[in-house]
Amino acid sequence: MLVSWREFLFGKRKRKDVALFTCRFMDNILKLNYELETKMYRHGKYYRFKINDPKPRDIHKAEVRDRLVHHALCRALSPFFDRKFINDSYSCRLGKGTHQAMNRFRDFVYIVSKNHTKTCWVLKCDIKKFFANIDHEVLKGILAKHIKNKNVLWLCEVIIDSFGTENKVGVGLPLGNLTSQLFVNVYMNVFDHFVKRELKVLQYVRYADDFVILHENKLYLESLIPRISIFLESELKLSLHPNKVHIQTFSSGVDFLGWVHFPHRRILRNTTKWHMLWRLEQEYVPETLFSYCGLLSHGNAYGLTQIISKNLKCK
């Protein structure tokens, strides 16, 4: 627990709730450890707030003691589950991320299009209200197949049941929990293996609830949609977003992970660009500006990079 605390504390020392927990650190740690050992631990409440990144999202923040438990649990489980995930799952994994997912997507395009000499069709899908529709019992069942330690499984179930979507019992995970990132990967790993083993798809990339499948034949991709939909609904109680299932040629421009991808370039999605410029007008935070420059270096965004560079020079 102490190792998890040191890792959890990074970048959070000045936050009020963390400072209050630190004031009685040993008492809090000993009490938390006792509750976990005796299974008297109960998850606390969540604090809800909204962010626009770029679309509105509800974030649920747990108390410090609970976030410390989340961190310790993920520290123990992440290496175990990471070995079970397919290579082309890129969300919230060490050594992965959006840039690696986009590069893998580009590599698959080269393969299917024979270096842009043939037509490459892309099936792009999104799951409707992903986090809000994760079924607790299905998730617990998946975890129980892999976790044999009853104490660890008990703790997972306590955290899962600590949150529920409004008007739905036993459904939903909070955006904000570190454990939620791990749990949704475990949840969707079932789908990943279905795509690879049952559908025999070769060119497939998934990041959270966004995924793409590439093929030279449009009819083949169309045939996959009902099979994917049936599996998601029957096995995971999820559904494809009806307005976010598209089949298009790569040359027409494919919107994936915040960028619009073309054969010889990728440009930032307009909504992402306008949100970035809005943030620059609202406040000057050097770290944010530098992170934007780093983001833009992964695509063709010379003009926008120049605008941000001027902001850095003028301040």
Protein backbone atom coordinates (compact mmCIF):
# COMPACT_ATOMS: atom_id res chain seq x y z
CA MET A 1 0.00 0.00 0.00
CA LEU A 2 2.89 2.39 0.78
CA VAL A 3 4.39 1.86 -2.68
CA SER A 4 1.01 2.60 -4.24
CA TRP A 5 0.75 5.75 -2.12
CA ARG A 6 4.09 7.07 -3.39
CA GLU A 7 2.99 6.51 -6.97
CA PHE A 8 -0.48 7.94 -6.32
CA LEU A 9 0.99 11.06 -4.70
CA PHE A 10 2.92 12.13 -7.81
CA GLY A 11 1.61 15.53 -8.95
CA LYS A 12 -1.13 15.64 -6.29
CA ARG A 13 0.65 16.89 -3.16
CA LYS A 14 -0.89 20.37 -3.27
CA ARG A 15 -4.49 19.20 -3.64
CA LYS A 16 -6.63 19.90 -0.59
CA ASP A 17 -8.14 16.42 -0.19
CA VAL A 18 -4.72 14.78 -0.54
CA ALA A 19 -3.21 17.18 2.03
CA LEU A 20 -5.98 16.37 4.52
CA PHE A 21 -5.40 12.62 4.06
CA THR A 22 -1.64 13.16 4.54
CA CYS A 23 -2.15 15.00 7.86
CA ARG A 24 -3.19 11.74 9.50
CA PHE A 25 -1.43 9.50 7.06
CA MET A 26 -0.49 6.53 9.27
CA ASP A 27 -3.87 6.44 10.99
CA ASN A 28 -5.63 6.49 7.63
CA ILE A 29 -3.37 3.82 6.12
CA LEU A 30 -3.64 1.49 9.11
CA LYS A 31 -7.41 1.86 9.21
CA LEU A 32 -7.69 1.24 5.48
CA ASN A 33 -5.43 -1.80 5.70
CA TYR A 34 -7.48 -3.23 8.58
CA GLU A 35 -10.75 -2.72 6.68
CA LEU A 36 -9.36 -4.49 3.64
CA GLU A 37 -8.02 -7.42 5.65
CA THR A 38 -11.29 -7.92 7.52
CA LYS A 39 -13.46 -7.15 4.46
CA MET A 40 -15.09 -4.28 6.30
CA TYR A 41 -14.02 -1.87 3.57
CA ARG A 42 -16.85 0.06 1.97
CA HIS A 43 -16.34 2.39 -0.98
CA GLY A 44 -17.11 6.05 -0.34
CA LYS A 45 -19.23 8.47 -2.35
CA TYR A 46 -18.32 10.15 -5.62
CA TYR A 47 -18.07 13.85 -6.40
CA ARG A 48 -19.56 14.64 -9.80
CA PHE A 49 -18.42 17.42 -12.12
CA LYS A 50 -18.47 18.14 -15.85
CA ILE A 51 -15.67 18.67 -18.34
CA ASN A 52 -15.61 19.56 -22.04
CA ASP A 53 -12.89 17.54 -23.73
CA PRO A 54 -14.09 18.47 -26.33
CA LYS A 55 -17.63 17.13 -25.81
CA PRO A 56 -19.36 17.35 -22.38
CA ARG A 57 -18.60 14.45 -20.05
CA ASP A 58 -19.64 13.64 -16.48
CA ILE A 59 -16.63 12.81 -14.31
CA HIS A 60 -17.07 11.05 -10.96
CA LYS A 61 -14.21 11.56 -8.54
CA ALA A 62 -13.79 9.17 -5.61
CA GLU A 63 -12.37 10.06 -2.20
CA VAL A 64 -8.61 9.85 -1.65
CA ARG A 65 -8.74 6.60 0.34
CA ASP A 66 -10.75 4.94 -2.41
CA ARG A 67 -8.49 6.25 -5.18
CA LEU A 68 -5.53 4.81 -3.28
CA VAL A 69 -7.27 1.41 -3.23
CA HIS A 70 -7.95 1.74 -6.97
CA HIS A 71 -4.28 2.46 -7.58
CA ALA A 72 -3.10 -0.51 -5.51
CA LEU A 73 -5.56 -2.86 -7.23
CA CYS A 74 -4.58 -1.73 -10.73
CA ARG A 75 -0.91 -1.98 -9.83
CA ALA A 76 -1.45 -5.64 -8.99
CA LEU A 77 -3.84 -6.60 -11.80
CA SER A 78 -2.67 -4.59 -14.82
CA PRO A 79 0.47 -6.68 -15.59
CA PHE A 80 -1.58 -9.88 -15.24
CA PHE A 81 -4.34 -8.80 -17.61
CA ASP A 82 -2.05 -7.02 -20.06
CA ARG A 83 -0.66 -10.41 -21.09
CA LYS A 84 -4.18 -11.53 -22.02
CA PHE A 85 -5.00 -8.52 -24.20
CA ILE A 86 -4.48 -8.60 -27.94
CA ASN A 87 -1.68 -6.49 -29.37
CA ASP A 88 -4.04 -4.12 -31.19
CA SER A 89 -5.92 -2.89 -28.11
CA TYR A 90 -4.38 0.51 -27.34
CA SER A 91 -6.40 2.24 -24.62
CA CYS A 92 -4.82 2.88 -21.21
CA ARG A 93 -1.99 0.37 -21.56
CA LEU A 94 1.69 0.84 -20.84
CA GLY A 95 3.59 1.43 -24.09
CA LYS A 96 0.36 1.98 -26.04
CA GLY A 97 -1.85 5.05 -26.57
CA THR A 98 -3.51 7.10 -29.29
CA HIS A 99 -0.35 7.79 -31.30
CA GLN A 100 0.60 4.12 -31.41
CA ALA A 101 -2.98 3.24 -32.40
CA MET A 102 -2.91 5.77 -35.25
CA ASN A 103 0.42 4.46 -36.49
CA ARG A 104 -0.89 0.89 -36.42
CA PHE A 105 -3.95 2.05 -38.35
CA ARG A 106 -1.65 3.63 -40.96
CA ASP A 107 0.40 0.43 -41.20
CA PHE A 108 -2.74 -1.61 -41.84
CA VAL A 109 -3.79 0.84 -44.55
CA TYR A 110 -0.46 0.25 -46.33
CA ILE A 111 -1.04 -3.51 -46.17
CA VAL A 112 -4.66 -3.49 -47.41
CA SER A 113 -4.15 -0.82 -50.07
CA LYS A 114 -0.89 -2.35 -51.30
CA ASN A 115 0.92 0.95 -50.59
CA HIS A 116 -2.02 3.06 -51.83
CA THR A 117 -2.35 1.28 -55.15
CA LYS A 118 -5.66 -0.45 -54.29
CA THR A 119 -8.89 0.70 -52.64
CA CYS A 120 -8.90 0.29 -48.87
CA TRP A 121 -12.32 0.17 -47.18
CA VAL A 122 -12.64 1.06 -43.50
CA LEU A 123 -15.44 0.00 -41.15
CA LYS A 124 -15.49 2.42 -38.22
CA CYS A 125 -17.72 1.73 -35.22
CA ASP A 126 -18.51 3.30 -31.86
CA ILE A 127 -20.35 1.78 -28.91
CA LYS A 128 -23.36 3.67 -27.59
CA LYS A 129 -22.83 5.19 -24.11
CA PHE A 130 -19.97 2.83 -23.43
CA PHE A 131 -19.09 3.42 -19.76
CA ALA A 132 -22.73 4.00 -18.80
CA ASN A 133 -23.80 0.60 -20.19
CA ILE A 134 -21.17 -1.73 -18.74
CA ASP A 135 -23.17 -4.52 -17.05
CA HIS A 136 -21.88 -5.31 -13.55
CA GLU A 137 -22.81 -8.98 -13.53
CA VAL A 138 -21.24 -9.60 -16.92
CA LEU A 139 -18.06 -7.83 -15.81
CA LYS A 140 -17.91 -9.80 -12.55
CA GLY A 141 -18.35 -13.03 -14.48
CA ILE A 142 -15.46 -12.17 -16.79
CA LEU A 143 -13.22 -11.27 -13.86
CA ALA A 144 -14.14 -14.48 -12.02
CA LYS A 145 -12.86 -16.53 -14.97
CA HIS A 146 -9.39 -15.02 -14.57
CA ILE A 147 -9.00 -14.08 -10.89
CA LYS A 148 -8.77 -17.07 -8.56
CA ASN A 149 -7.92 -15.10 -5.42
CA LYS A 150 -11.27 -14.62 -3.65
CA ASN A 151 -10.07 -11.59 -1.69
CA VAL A 152 -9.02 -9.75 -4.86
CA LEU A 153 -12.27 -10.71 -6.56
CA TRP A 154 -14.25 -9.44 -3.57
CA LEU A 155 -12.49 -6.07 -3.75
CA CYS A 156 -13.16 -5.81 -7.49
CA GLU A 157 -16.85 -6.43 -6.85
CA VAL A 158 -16.99 -3.80 -4.09
CA ILE A 159 -15.53 -1.19 -6.43
CA ILE A 160 -17.76 -2.21 -9.35
CA ASP A 161 -20.92 -2.02 -7.21
CA SER A 162 -19.93 1.36 -5.74
CA PHE A 163 -21.35 3.11 -8.81
CA GLY A 164 -24.47 2.89 -10.88
CA THR A 165 -25.95 4.76 -13.81
CA GLU A 166 -29.04 6.83 -13.04
CA ASN A 167 -32.29 4.85 -13.36
CA LYS A 168 -30.34 1.62 -13.90
CA VAL A 169 -29.34 -0.89 -11.22
CA GLY A 170 -26.12 -2.82 -11.69
CA VAL A 171 -25.05 -0.92 -14.79
CA GLY A 172 -22.29 1.60 -15.50
CA LEU A 173 -18.73 2.46 -14.51
CA PRO A 174 -17.57 5.93 -13.46
CA LEU A 175 -15.44 8.04 -15.77
CA GLY A 176 -12.68 9.03 -13.38
CA ASN A 177 -11.78 5.76 -11.65
CA LEU A 178 -8.42 4.26 -12.54
CA THR A 179 -10.03 0.85 -12.14
CA SER A 180 -12.65 1.73 -14.77
CA GLN A 181 -9.94 1.97 -17.41
CA LEU A 182 -8.72 -1.51 -16.55
CA PHE A 183 -12.20 -3.00 -16.21
CA VAL A 184 -13.41 -1.78 -19.61
CA ASN A 185 -10.31 -3.27 -21.24
CA VAL A 186 -11.04 -6.58 -19.55
CA TYR A 187 -14.68 -6.28 -20.65
CA MET A 188 -13.85 -5.49 -24.28
CA ASN A 189 -11.09 -8.09 -24.40
CA VAL A 190 -13.89 -10.63 -24.86
CA PHE A 191 -14.96 -8.76 -27.98
CA ASP A 192 -11.37 -8.42 -29.20
CA HIS A 193 -10.89 -12.19 -29.13
CA PHE A 194 -14.23 -12.69 -30.88
CA VAL A 195 -13.09 -10.40 -33.69
CA LYS A 196 -9.71 -12.11 -34.02
CA ARG A 197 -10.69 -15.76 -33.40
CA GLU A 198 -14.27 -16.05 -34.63
CA LEU A 199 -14.43 -13.41 -37.34
CA LYS A 200 -10.77 -14.03 -38.29
CA VAL A 201 -10.18 -10.31 -38.84
CA LEU A 202 -6.55 -9.40 -39.49
CA GLN A 203 -6.61 -5.60 -39.70
CA TYR A 204 -8.38 -4.45 -36.52
CA VAL A 205 -7.52 -1.61 -34.12
CA ARG A 206 -9.44 -0.69 -30.96
CA TYR A 207 -9.06 2.25 -28.61
CA ALA A 208 -11.64 2.12 -25.77
CA ASP A 209 -15.04 1.99 -27.53
CA ASP A 210 -13.77 3.14 -30.95
CA PHE A 211 -12.62 0.46 -33.35
CA VAL A 212 -11.82 0.12 -37.03
CA ILE A 213 -11.61 -2.87 -39.36
CA LEU A 214 -9.89 -2.58 -42.72
CA HIS A 215 -10.44 -4.71 -45.82
CA GLU A 216 -10.27 -4.54 -49.59
CA ASN A 217 -13.88 -5.72 -49.95
CA LYS A 218 -16.76 -3.46 -48.90
CA LEU A 219 -19.31 -6.31 -48.96
CA TYR A 220 -17.18 -8.28 -46.50
CA LEU A 221 -17.21 -5.36 -44.04
CA GLU A 222 -20.98 -4.98 -44.44
CA SER A 223 -21.40 -8.65 -43.57
CA LEU A 224 -19.51 -8.15 -40.31
CA ILE A 225 -21.81 -5.47 -38.89
CA PRO A 226 -24.78 -7.73 -37.92
CA ARG A 227 -22.43 -10.36 -36.44
CA ILE A 228 -20.64 -7.71 -34.39
CA SER A 229 -23.94 -6.19 -33.25
CA ILE A 230 -25.41 -9.55 -32.20
CA PHE A 231 -22.29 -10.50 -30.23
CA LEU A 232 -22.11 -7.18 -28.39
CA GLU A 233 -25.78 -7.32 -27.41
CA SER A 234 -25.92 -11.00 -26.46
CA GLU A 235 -22.57 -11.36 -24.70
CA LEU A 236 -21.77 -7.89 -23.34
CA LYS A 237 -25.17 -6.13 -23.33
CA LEU A 238 -23.75 -3.30 -25.42
CA SER A 239 -24.95 -1.85 -28.71
CA LEU A 240 -23.35 -0.07 -31.63
CA HIS A 241 -24.10 3.63 -31.91
CA PRO A 242 -26.55 3.81 -34.86
CA ASN A 243 -25.13 7.13 -36.07
CA LYS A 244 -21.49 6.16 -35.73
CA VAL A 245 -21.17 3.07 -37.89
CA HIS A 246 -19.58 3.96 -41.21
CA ILE A 247 -17.96 2.19 -44.14
CA GLN A 248 -15.87 4.42 -46.37
CA THR A 249 -12.77 4.43 -48.49
CA PHE A 250 -9.61 5.50 -46.76
CA SER A 251 -8.87 7.98 -49.55
CA SER A 252 -12.06 9.92 -48.65
CA GLY A 253 -10.69 10.66 -45.18
CA VAL A 254 -11.33 8.58 -42.05
CA ASP A 255 -11.98 10.32 -38.72
CA PHE A 256 -10.26 8.23 -36.04
CA LEU A 257 -8.94 9.25 -32.60
CA GLY A 258 -9.21 12.99 -33.12
CA TRP A 259 -7.53 13.07 -36.53
CA VAL A 260 -8.83 12.77 -40.09
CA HIS A 261 -6.59 10.33 -41.94
CA PHE A 262 -5.79 10.56 -45.66
CA PRO A 263 -3.33 8.57 -47.82
CA HIS A 264 -0.44 10.99 -47.40
CA ARG A 265 -1.39 13.12 -44.42
CA ARG A 266 -3.47 13.34 -41.26
CA ILE A 267 -5.13 16.56 -40.13
CA LEU A 268 -6.65 17.48 -36.79
CA ARG A 269 -10.43 17.08 -36.45
CA ASN A 270 -12.13 20.50 -36.62
CA THR A 271 -13.85 20.16 -33.23
CA THR A 272 -10.51 19.31 -31.61
CA LYS A 273 -8.84 22.26 -33.31
CA TRP A 274 -11.52 24.78 -32.25
CA HIS A 275 -11.47 23.46 -28.69
CA MET A 276 -7.70 23.85 -28.60
CA LEU A 277 -7.87 27.46 -29.83
CA TRP A 278 -10.65 28.21 -27.34
CA ARG A 279 -8.47 26.90 -24.50
CA LEU A 280 -5.64 29.15 -25.64
CA GLU A 281 -7.90 32.20 -25.52
CA GLN A 282 -9.29 31.37 -22.07
CA GLU A 283 -6.05 30.83 -20.17
CA TYR A 284 -2.31 30.70 -20.54
CA VAL A 285 -0.83 27.50 -19.16
CA PRO A 286 2.68 26.76 -20.52
CA GLU A 287 2.38 23.04 -19.88
CA THR A 288 -0.84 22.89 -21.93
CA LEU A 289 0.75 24.80 -24.81
CA PHE A 290 3.75 22.49 -24.89
CA SER A 291 1.47 19.44 -24.80
CA TYR A 292 -0.48 20.84 -27.76
CA CYS A 293 2.75 21.28 -29.71
CA GLY A 294 3.63 17.67 -28.93
CA LEU A 295 0.20 16.50 -30.07
CA LEU A 296 0.38 18.42 -33.33
CA SER A 297 3.79 16.96 -34.15
CA HIS A 298 2.05 13.66 -34.90
CA GLY A 299 0.17 15.05 -37.90
CA ASN A 300 0.12 17.67 -40.63
CA ALA A 301 -0.69 20.79 -38.63
CA TYR A 302 2.00 23.33 -39.49
CA GLY A 303 -0.33 26.33 -39.48
CA LEU A 304 -1.86 25.53 -36.09
CA THR A 305 1.60 24.81 -34.65
CA GLN A 306 2.71 28.29 -35.77
CA ILE A 307 -0.25 29.88 -34.00
CA ILE A 308 0.58 28.07 -30.76
CA SER A 309 4.29 28.90 -31.09
CA LYS A 310 3.38 32.59 -31.33
CA ASN A 311 1.43 32.26 -28.09
CA LEU A 312 4.51 30.81 -26.42
CA LYS A 313 6.73 33.63 -27.68
CA CYS A 314 4.29 36.40 -26.77
CA LYS A 315 3.83 35.37 -23.13
